[in-house]
N, C-alpha and C. Protein backbone atom coordinates (compact mmCIF):
# COMPACT_ATOMS: atom_id res chain seq x y z
N MET A 1 0.86 -1.28 0.10
CA MET A 1 0.07 -0.03 -0.06
C MET A 1 0.93 1.35 -0.03
N THR A 2 0.56 2.19 -0.74
CA THR A 2 1.29 3.45 -0.75
C THR A 2 0.63 4.43 -0.24
N ASN A 3 1.32 5.44 0.35
CA ASN A 3 0.65 6.69 1.07
C ASN A 3 -0.16 7.41 0.22
N ASP A 4 -0.01 7.32 -1.14
CA ASP A 4 -0.96 8.06 -2.16
C ASP A 4 -2.35 7.58 -2.03
N SER A 5 -2.50 6.27 -1.64
CA SER A 5 -3.81 5.62 -1.68
C SER A 5 -4.58 5.88 -0.29
N VAL A 6 -3.89 6.50 0.72
CA VAL A 6 -4.62 6.68 1.94
C VAL A 6 -5.10 8.00 2.14
N PRO A 7 -6.44 8.06 2.53
CA PRO A 7 -7.02 9.44 2.65
C PRO A 7 -6.35 10.13 3.86
N ALA A 8 -6.31 11.51 3.62
CA ALA A 8 -5.62 12.37 4.63
C ALA A 8 -6.24 12.26 6.08
N ASP A 9 -7.69 11.76 6.01
CA ASP A 9 -8.27 11.73 7.39
C ASP A 9 -8.54 10.32 7.61
N ALA A 10 -7.35 9.41 7.70
CA ALA A 10 -7.51 8.14 7.93
C ALA A 10 -6.30 7.71 8.84
N VAL A 11 -6.56 6.75 9.69
CA VAL A 11 -5.53 6.07 10.52
C VAL A 11 -5.31 4.78 9.76
N VAL A 12 -4.08 4.52 9.61
CA VAL A 12 -3.58 3.28 8.99
C VAL A 12 -2.62 2.53 9.96
N ILE A 13 -2.99 1.46 10.24
CA ILE A 13 -2.02 0.61 11.22
C ILE A 13 -1.72 -0.76 10.65
N GLU A 14 -0.55 -0.98 10.47
CA GLU A 14 -0.11 -2.39 10.06
C GLU A 14 0.48 -3.16 11.17
N ARG A 15 0.04 -4.33 11.45
CA ARG A 15 0.61 -5.24 12.47
C ARG A 15 0.71 -6.64 12.02
N SER A 16 1.71 -7.43 12.41
CA SER A 16 1.90 -8.88 12.09
C SER A 16 1.62 -9.71 13.49
N PHE A 17 0.94 -10.84 13.09
CA PHE A 17 0.68 -11.65 14.34
C PHE A 17 1.15 -13.04 13.95
N ASP A 18 1.69 -13.77 15.07
CA ASP A 18 2.07 -15.23 14.83
C ASP A 18 0.82 -16.16 14.86
N ALA A 19 -0.14 -15.79 14.12
CA ALA A 19 -1.27 -16.63 14.08
C ALA A 19 -2.00 -16.57 12.77
N PRO A 20 -2.55 -17.70 12.40
CA PRO A 20 -3.19 -17.81 11.09
C PRO A 20 -4.32 -16.64 10.87
N PRO A 21 -4.60 -16.28 9.56
CA PRO A 21 -5.74 -15.35 9.37
C PRO A 21 -7.17 -15.76 10.03
N ALA A 22 -7.37 -17.13 10.02
CA ALA A 22 -8.66 -17.62 10.54
C ALA A 22 -8.78 -17.34 11.97
N LEU A 23 -7.70 -17.30 12.72
CA LEU A 23 -7.85 -16.81 14.17
C LEU A 23 -7.99 -15.48 14.26
N ILE A 24 -7.26 -14.64 13.61
CA ILE A 24 -7.33 -13.12 13.63
C ILE A 24 -8.69 -12.91 13.21
N TRP A 25 -9.30 -13.48 12.18
CA TRP A 25 -10.67 -13.17 11.74
C TRP A 25 -11.64 -13.40 12.98
N GLN A 26 -11.37 -14.48 13.81
CA GLN A 26 -12.33 -14.76 14.97
C GLN A 26 -12.13 -13.58 15.91
N MET A 27 -10.87 -13.11 16.14
CA MET A 27 -10.77 -11.99 17.04
C MET A 27 -11.67 -10.75 16.72
N TRP A 28 -11.93 -10.56 15.39
CA TRP A 28 -12.68 -9.33 14.99
C TRP A 28 -14.10 -9.63 14.83
N THR A 29 -14.46 -10.86 14.78
CA THR A 29 -16.00 -11.32 14.36
C THR A 29 -16.67 -12.17 15.55
N ASN A 30 -15.85 -12.76 16.54
CA ASN A 30 -16.53 -13.49 17.62
C ASN A 30 -16.62 -12.56 18.76
N PRO A 31 -17.85 -12.31 19.18
CA PRO A 31 -17.95 -11.28 20.32
C PRO A 31 -17.13 -11.81 21.68
N GLU A 32 -17.11 -13.06 21.85
CA GLU A 32 -16.30 -13.57 23.01
C GLU A 32 -14.85 -13.07 22.92
N HIS A 33 -14.08 -13.23 21.78
CA HIS A 33 -12.86 -12.73 21.57
C HIS A 33 -12.77 -11.20 21.48
N PHE A 34 -13.68 -10.65 20.90
CA PHE A 34 -13.53 -9.12 20.64
C PHE A 34 -13.66 -8.28 21.96
N THR A 35 -14.57 -8.82 22.71
CA THR A 35 -14.65 -8.04 24.01
C THR A 35 -13.45 -8.10 24.96
N GLN A 36 -12.57 -9.08 24.54
CA GLN A 36 -11.31 -9.18 25.34
C GLN A 36 -10.03 -8.37 24.90
N TRP A 37 -10.31 -7.71 23.81
CA TRP A 37 -9.15 -6.83 23.32
C TRP A 37 -9.53 -5.54 22.84
N TYR A 38 -10.72 -5.26 22.46
CA TYR A 38 -11.10 -4.00 21.80
C TYR A 38 -10.94 -2.87 22.77
N GLY A 39 -10.60 -1.64 22.35
CA GLY A 39 -10.54 -0.52 23.12
C GLY A 39 -9.18 -0.11 23.66
N PRO A 40 -9.01 1.05 24.07
CA PRO A 40 -7.67 1.40 24.55
C PRO A 40 -7.37 0.77 25.85
N ASP A 41 -6.33 1.00 26.54
CA ASP A 41 -5.96 0.56 27.85
C ASP A 41 -6.87 1.10 28.95
N GLY A 42 -7.31 0.24 29.66
CA GLY A 42 -8.28 0.61 30.73
C GLY A 42 -9.75 0.41 30.35
N ALA A 43 -10.06 0.27 29.06
CA ALA A 43 -11.33 0.09 28.64
C ALA A 43 -11.74 -1.43 28.66
N THR A 44 -13.09 -1.52 28.92
CA THR A 44 -13.71 -3.02 28.82
C THR A 44 -14.88 -2.71 27.95
N VAL A 45 -15.21 -4.01 27.34
CA VAL A 45 -16.41 -4.01 26.44
C VAL A 45 -17.40 -5.00 26.96
N PRO A 46 -18.38 -4.48 27.67
CA PRO A 46 -19.39 -5.34 28.29
C PRO A 46 -20.40 -5.70 27.31
N VAL A 47 -20.56 -5.07 26.04
CA VAL A 47 -21.64 -5.46 25.02
C VAL A 47 -20.87 -5.56 23.77
N ALA A 48 -21.14 -6.48 22.94
CA ALA A 48 -20.70 -6.63 21.48
C ALA A 48 -21.58 -7.53 20.75
N LYS A 49 -22.62 -6.88 20.07
CA LYS A 49 -23.52 -7.61 19.31
C LYS A 49 -23.16 -7.48 17.82
N MET A 50 -22.93 -8.65 17.06
CA MET A 50 -22.38 -8.56 15.82
C MET A 50 -23.12 -9.54 14.89
N ASP A 51 -23.63 -9.02 13.90
CA ASP A 51 -24.30 -9.83 12.81
C ASP A 51 -23.47 -9.68 11.62
N VAL A 52 -22.30 -10.41 11.62
CA VAL A 52 -21.33 -10.36 10.57
C VAL A 52 -21.56 -10.96 9.13
N ARG A 53 -22.27 -10.07 8.46
CA ARG A 53 -22.64 -10.44 7.09
C ARG A 53 -22.89 -9.06 6.46
N ALA A 54 -22.72 -8.87 5.11
CA ALA A 54 -22.91 -7.72 4.45
C ALA A 54 -24.48 -7.30 4.72
N GLY A 55 -24.50 -6.12 5.17
CA GLY A 55 -25.88 -5.64 5.64
C GLY A 55 -26.23 -5.71 7.01
N GLY A 56 -25.41 -6.64 7.85
CA GLY A 56 -25.52 -6.88 9.12
C GLY A 56 -25.20 -5.73 10.03
N SER A 57 -25.70 -5.72 11.30
CA SER A 57 -25.55 -4.64 12.22
C SER A 57 -24.53 -5.07 13.17
N ARG A 58 -23.90 -4.05 13.83
CA ARG A 58 -23.10 -4.14 15.16
C ARG A 58 -23.42 -3.10 16.05
N LEU A 59 -23.35 -3.47 17.35
CA LEU A 59 -23.55 -2.60 18.54
C LEU A 59 -22.55 -2.99 19.56
N VAL A 60 -21.73 -1.96 19.86
CA VAL A 60 -20.56 -2.25 20.91
C VAL A 60 -20.65 -1.33 21.92
N CYS A 61 -20.47 -1.63 23.10
CA CYS A 61 -20.44 -0.67 24.33
C CYS A 61 -18.92 -0.71 24.94
N MET A 62 -18.39 0.35 25.05
CA MET A 62 -16.95 0.39 25.62
C MET A 62 -17.11 1.19 26.92
N GLU A 63 -16.62 0.76 27.96
CA GLU A 63 -16.65 1.50 29.29
C GLU A 63 -15.26 1.80 29.68
N MET A 64 -15.16 2.91 30.32
CA MET A 64 -13.84 3.39 30.96
C MET A 64 -14.14 4.19 32.19
N ASP A 65 -13.21 4.10 33.13
CA ASP A 65 -13.27 4.91 34.29
C ASP A 65 -12.48 6.21 33.89
N THR A 66 -13.19 7.28 34.32
CA THR A 66 -12.66 8.50 33.95
C THR A 66 -12.70 9.46 35.27
N PRO A 67 -12.08 10.49 35.48
CA PRO A 67 -12.12 11.29 36.61
C PRO A 67 -13.57 11.60 37.02
N GLY A 68 -14.36 11.66 36.10
CA GLY A 68 -15.84 12.14 36.45
C GLY A 68 -16.56 10.81 36.66
N GLY A 69 -16.03 9.71 36.68
CA GLY A 69 -16.84 8.48 36.89
C GLY A 69 -16.58 7.50 35.77
N LEU A 70 -17.50 6.32 35.86
CA LEU A 70 -17.57 5.33 34.74
C LEU A 70 -18.34 6.13 33.55
N ARG A 71 -17.60 5.93 32.39
CA ARG A 71 -18.13 6.54 31.04
C ARG A 71 -18.48 5.31 30.14
N ARG A 72 -19.72 5.27 29.63
CA ARG A 72 -20.09 4.31 28.65
C ARG A 72 -20.13 5.00 27.29
N MET A 73 -19.48 4.42 26.24
CA MET A 73 -19.50 4.76 24.93
C MET A 73 -20.11 3.83 24.12
N TRP A 74 -21.17 4.00 23.18
CA TRP A 74 -21.75 3.18 22.45
C TRP A 74 -21.44 3.50 20.86
N PHE A 75 -21.25 2.41 20.21
CA PHE A 75 -20.91 2.47 18.73
C PHE A 75 -21.86 1.47 17.84
N THR A 76 -22.31 2.07 16.90
CA THR A 76 -23.30 1.21 16.10
C THR A 76 -22.53 1.30 14.54
N GLY A 77 -22.94 0.33 13.80
CA GLY A 77 -22.45 0.30 12.56
C GLY A 77 -23.17 -0.78 11.55
N GLU A 78 -22.73 -0.78 10.26
CA GLU A 78 -23.36 -1.80 9.42
C GLU A 78 -22.00 -2.59 8.75
N TYR A 79 -22.01 -3.70 8.66
CA TYR A 79 -21.00 -4.51 7.88
C TYR A 79 -21.32 -4.24 6.35
N ARG A 80 -20.28 -3.66 5.64
CA ARG A 80 -20.51 -3.45 4.28
C ARG A 80 -19.87 -4.64 3.36
N GLU A 81 -18.78 -5.11 3.85
CA GLU A 81 -18.03 -6.18 3.09
C GLU A 81 -17.49 -7.35 4.18
N VAL A 82 -17.79 -8.44 3.80
CA VAL A 82 -17.30 -9.57 4.66
C VAL A 82 -16.75 -10.68 3.85
N ALA A 83 -15.48 -10.82 3.71
CA ALA A 83 -14.82 -11.86 3.06
C ALA A 83 -13.97 -12.55 3.96
N GLU A 84 -14.59 -13.70 4.47
CA GLU A 84 -13.97 -14.41 5.56
C GLU A 84 -12.49 -14.66 5.54
N ASN A 85 -11.75 -14.47 6.61
CA ASN A 85 -10.45 -14.59 6.82
C ASN A 85 -9.50 -13.65 5.81
N GLN A 86 -10.29 -12.68 5.30
CA GLN A 86 -9.49 -11.78 4.37
C GLN A 86 -9.74 -10.28 4.37
N ARG A 87 -11.09 -10.05 4.44
CA ARG A 87 -11.29 -8.53 4.54
C ARG A 87 -12.62 -8.28 5.22
N LEU A 88 -12.68 -7.31 6.13
CA LEU A 88 -13.85 -6.94 6.88
C LEU A 88 -13.98 -5.51 6.80
N VAL A 89 -15.26 -4.84 6.25
CA VAL A 89 -15.45 -3.46 6.12
C VAL A 89 -16.71 -3.13 6.89
N TYR A 90 -16.59 -2.25 7.92
CA TYR A 90 -17.84 -1.85 8.57
C TYR A 90 -17.86 -0.26 8.70
N THR A 91 -19.03 0.28 8.93
CA THR A 91 -19.16 1.66 9.38
C THR A 91 -19.13 1.78 10.85
N GLU A 92 -18.90 3.01 11.35
CA GLU A 92 -18.89 3.18 12.85
C GLU A 92 -19.28 4.55 13.13
N SER A 93 -20.26 4.53 14.08
CA SER A 93 -20.99 5.79 14.62
C SER A 93 -21.15 5.72 16.09
N MET A 94 -20.99 6.86 16.70
CA MET A 94 -21.49 6.95 18.05
C MET A 94 -22.79 6.85 18.20
N SER A 95 -23.55 6.26 19.23
CA SER A 95 -24.72 6.04 19.31
C SER A 95 -25.19 5.88 20.76
N ASP A 96 -26.49 5.71 20.86
CA ASP A 96 -27.06 5.35 22.18
C ASP A 96 -27.07 3.91 22.32
N GLU A 97 -27.50 3.25 23.47
CA GLU A 97 -27.68 1.90 23.72
C GLU A 97 -28.54 1.29 22.81
N ASN A 98 -29.32 1.95 21.99
CA ASN A 98 -30.33 1.33 21.17
C ASN A 98 -29.86 1.21 19.72
N GLY A 99 -28.62 1.86 19.55
CA GLY A 99 -28.08 1.86 18.20
C GLY A 99 -28.53 3.16 17.38
N ASN A 100 -29.22 4.07 18.14
CA ASN A 100 -29.56 5.19 17.30
C ASN A 100 -28.31 6.29 17.20
N VAL A 101 -27.89 6.60 16.06
CA VAL A 101 -26.74 7.38 15.83
C VAL A 101 -26.87 8.78 16.48
N LEU A 102 -25.82 9.18 17.15
CA LEU A 102 -25.75 10.41 17.87
C LEU A 102 -24.93 11.46 17.11
N PRO A 103 -25.39 12.81 17.06
CA PRO A 103 -24.30 13.68 16.44
C PRO A 103 -23.20 13.69 17.16
N PRO A 104 -22.02 13.93 16.39
CA PRO A 104 -20.72 13.88 16.94
C PRO A 104 -20.57 14.81 18.07
N SER A 105 -21.15 16.12 18.08
CA SER A 105 -21.11 17.03 19.19
C SER A 105 -21.62 16.56 20.41
N ASP A 106 -22.60 15.68 20.55
CA ASP A 106 -23.24 15.12 21.47
C ASP A 106 -22.17 14.12 22.35
N SER A 107 -21.20 13.91 21.66
CA SER A 107 -20.22 12.83 22.45
C SER A 107 -18.83 13.72 22.53
N GLY A 108 -18.93 14.86 22.37
CA GLY A 108 -17.79 15.74 22.64
C GLY A 108 -16.65 15.66 21.65
N LEU A 109 -17.16 15.33 20.29
CA LEU A 109 -16.16 15.35 19.39
C LEU A 109 -16.03 16.82 18.69
N PRO A 110 -14.88 16.94 18.09
CA PRO A 110 -14.84 18.36 17.66
C PRO A 110 -15.64 18.56 16.39
N PRO A 111 -15.80 19.87 16.11
CA PRO A 111 -16.65 20.38 14.99
C PRO A 111 -16.03 19.80 13.72
N GLY A 112 -16.93 19.40 12.88
CA GLY A 112 -16.41 18.73 11.57
C GLY A 112 -16.11 17.28 11.64
N HIS A 113 -16.22 16.65 12.77
CA HIS A 113 -15.96 15.25 12.69
C HIS A 113 -17.10 14.53 12.13
N PRO A 114 -17.01 13.50 11.36
CA PRO A 114 -18.03 12.97 10.53
C PRO A 114 -18.87 12.02 11.57
N ALA A 115 -20.22 11.96 11.21
CA ALA A 115 -21.07 11.21 12.07
C ALA A 115 -20.88 9.62 11.86
N THR A 116 -20.25 9.39 10.74
CA THR A 116 -20.02 7.98 10.43
C THR A 116 -18.72 7.84 9.78
N THR A 117 -17.85 6.91 10.21
CA THR A 117 -16.60 6.58 9.78
C THR A 117 -16.59 5.19 9.27
N GLU A 118 -15.45 4.90 8.71
CA GLU A 118 -15.41 3.38 7.99
C GLU A 118 -14.09 2.60 8.41
N VAL A 119 -14.31 1.57 8.87
CA VAL A 119 -13.08 0.67 9.25
C VAL A 119 -12.92 -0.43 8.17
N THR A 120 -11.79 -0.65 7.74
CA THR A 120 -11.43 -1.66 6.86
C THR A 120 -10.27 -2.58 7.57
N VAL A 121 -10.45 -3.85 7.52
CA VAL A 121 -9.37 -4.80 8.24
C VAL A 121 -9.14 -5.74 6.93
N GLU A 122 -7.86 -5.72 6.67
CA GLU A 122 -7.28 -6.58 5.64
C GLU A 122 -6.31 -7.66 6.33
N LEU A 123 -6.58 -8.93 6.08
CA LEU A 123 -5.73 -9.93 6.47
C LEU A 123 -4.96 -10.63 5.46
N HIS A 124 -3.76 -10.69 5.73
CA HIS A 124 -2.85 -11.24 4.52
C HIS A 124 -2.03 -12.57 5.17
N ASP A 125 -2.39 -13.70 4.53
CA ASP A 125 -1.60 -14.93 5.12
C ASP A 125 -0.09 -14.91 4.63
N LEU A 126 0.64 -15.02 5.73
CA LEU A 126 2.12 -15.04 5.49
C LEU A 126 2.57 -16.43 5.93
N GLY A 127 1.86 -17.52 5.54
CA GLY A 127 2.25 -18.94 5.80
C GLY A 127 2.09 -19.24 7.25
N GLY A 128 0.87 -19.09 7.91
CA GLY A 128 0.79 -19.30 9.28
C GLY A 128 0.69 -18.13 9.97
N ARG A 129 1.30 -16.99 9.66
CA ARG A 129 1.37 -15.82 10.32
C ARG A 129 0.31 -14.93 9.52
N THR A 130 0.09 -13.84 10.11
CA THR A 130 -0.94 -12.80 9.58
C THR A 130 -0.45 -11.34 9.66
N ARG A 131 -0.49 -10.69 8.33
CA ARG A 131 -0.22 -9.36 8.38
C ARG A 131 -1.63 -8.70 8.35
N MET A 132 -1.93 -7.92 9.37
CA MET A 132 -3.22 -7.13 9.31
C MET A 132 -2.90 -5.60 9.08
N VAL A 133 -3.91 -5.19 8.29
CA VAL A 133 -3.73 -3.85 7.85
C VAL A 133 -5.13 -3.11 8.22
N LEU A 134 -5.21 -2.24 9.19
CA LEU A 134 -6.38 -1.53 9.58
C LEU A 134 -6.39 -0.23 9.04
N THR A 135 -7.43 0.18 8.17
CA THR A 135 -7.60 1.59 7.81
C THR A 135 -9.00 2.04 8.45
N HIS A 136 -8.88 3.08 9.21
CA HIS A 136 -10.08 3.72 9.72
C HIS A 136 -10.27 5.14 9.15
N THR A 137 -11.12 5.29 8.15
CA THR A 137 -11.32 6.45 7.49
C THR A 137 -12.38 7.33 8.02
N GLY A 138 -11.95 8.65 8.32
CA GLY A 138 -12.77 9.63 9.05
C GLY A 138 -12.27 10.20 10.36
N ILE A 139 -11.11 9.54 10.71
CA ILE A 139 -10.39 10.11 11.82
C ILE A 139 -9.10 10.52 11.45
N PRO A 140 -8.46 11.56 11.82
CA PRO A 140 -7.08 12.00 11.50
C PRO A 140 -6.09 10.84 12.16
N ALA A 141 -5.08 10.84 11.36
CA ALA A 141 -3.89 9.85 11.77
C ALA A 141 -3.22 10.33 13.00
N ASN A 142 -3.40 11.53 13.41
CA ASN A 142 -2.68 12.02 14.87
C ASN A 142 -3.80 12.13 15.90
N SER A 143 -4.98 11.56 15.76
CA SER A 143 -6.07 11.72 16.70
C SER A 143 -5.88 10.83 17.93
N PRO A 144 -6.75 10.99 18.90
CA PRO A 144 -6.72 9.97 20.04
C PRO A 144 -7.17 8.52 19.54
N GLY A 145 -7.94 8.54 18.42
CA GLY A 145 -8.48 7.28 18.03
C GLY A 145 -7.41 6.43 17.51
N ALA A 146 -6.21 6.99 16.87
CA ALA A 146 -5.13 6.33 16.44
C ALA A 146 -4.43 5.68 17.67
N ALA A 147 -4.25 6.42 18.55
CA ALA A 147 -3.52 5.90 19.83
C ALA A 147 -4.44 4.76 20.40
N GLY A 148 -5.74 4.92 20.45
CA GLY A 148 -6.57 3.93 20.89
C GLY A 148 -6.46 2.64 20.16
N TRP A 149 -6.39 2.71 18.75
CA TRP A 149 -6.16 1.44 18.03
C TRP A 149 -4.85 0.82 18.34
N ALA A 150 -3.80 1.58 18.43
CA ALA A 150 -2.57 1.03 18.68
C ALA A 150 -2.44 0.28 20.08
N MET A 151 -3.14 0.82 21.20
CA MET A 151 -3.21 0.04 22.42
C MET A 151 -4.22 -1.06 22.16
N ALA A 152 -5.21 -1.02 21.41
CA ALA A 152 -6.12 -2.20 21.38
C ALA A 152 -5.29 -3.20 20.67
N PHE A 153 -4.44 -2.92 19.70
CA PHE A 153 -3.73 -4.05 19.07
C PHE A 153 -2.66 -4.72 19.86
N SER A 154 -2.18 -3.97 20.76
CA SER A 154 -1.37 -4.40 21.84
C SER A 154 -2.03 -5.47 22.75
N LYS A 155 -3.17 -5.02 22.99
CA LYS A 155 -4.27 -6.05 23.86
C LYS A 155 -4.53 -7.11 23.19
N LEU A 156 -4.71 -7.14 21.84
CA LEU A 156 -5.01 -8.18 20.95
C LEU A 156 -3.84 -9.21 20.99
N ALA A 157 -2.71 -8.57 20.82
CA ALA A 157 -1.41 -9.46 21.05
C ALA A 157 -1.32 -10.36 22.29
N ALA A 158 -1.60 -9.53 23.31
CA ALA A 158 -1.64 -9.99 24.70
C ALA A 158 -2.84 -11.25 24.73
N HIS A 159 -3.99 -10.92 24.30
CA HIS A 159 -5.02 -12.01 24.30
C HIS A 159 -4.68 -13.18 23.43
N LEU A 160 -3.94 -12.97 22.42
CA LEU A 160 -3.51 -14.20 21.53
C LEU A 160 -2.54 -14.94 22.39
N GLN A 161 -1.64 -14.30 23.00
CA GLN A 161 -0.60 -14.84 23.80
C GLN A 161 -1.29 -15.65 24.97
N ALA A 162 -2.26 -15.22 25.52
CA ALA A 162 -3.06 -15.94 26.66
C ALA A 162 -3.77 -17.02 26.07
N GLN A 163 -4.08 -17.04 24.80
CA GLN A 163 -4.65 -18.24 24.25
C GLN A 163 -3.67 -19.26 23.83
N GLY A 164 -2.44 -18.93 24.07
CA GLY A 164 -1.18 -19.89 23.75
C GLY A 164 -0.83 -19.80 22.29
N VAL A 165 -1.06 -18.57 21.61
CA VAL A 165 -0.76 -18.41 20.22
C VAL A 165 0.70 -17.94 19.94
N GLN A 166 0.87 -16.90 20.61
CA GLN A 166 2.17 -16.29 20.41
C GLN A 166 3.21 -16.63 21.49
C-alpha cells in the first residue's frame, strides 16, 4: 500500500501476528474474543452484538473509568463487506444503547468530525502468520483514535498470547 492511496483523514496501522488469518478473523468477528481486546488501555467491552454479514449490524459498548466516573460509549454500524479470513469493512458511529446514531457534538467530538466513519481490516496470510492492515477512514492519523487502536492491538497480541498462540 502506498501513502498516495491513504486518505488524509485516515488512521492506517499495520501489524503482524504469529497466528493464522482464520484466528485473527475470529478476534474481529466473535464477540467473546472481541470483548477481550477491543478498546484502549483501561477500557472494557461489556456489550458486543455482531451480525457479521454484508448488511448486518453491530452494536458495541465500551466502558472506561474517568475522573468524572464510569463512562459508557456506544458504537453502532453496518457491515459493508465480509470476505471471511481476508477482509472486513464496517461503518462506525457514536450511538445510544439502542443503536440510534448521535451527532458527533453530543459525544464531545470536535466540529467537523463525521457522524459515520469506516473501518477496513485486511488480513494477509504469511504462511501461518498474518499481516493485518487496519484503515479507519474519517479520523485523522494524529487523533486520540489512532492511539486507541494502537493500544487495542497490543491488547489483541496479549489476548492471543493468553490463548497460547504467540
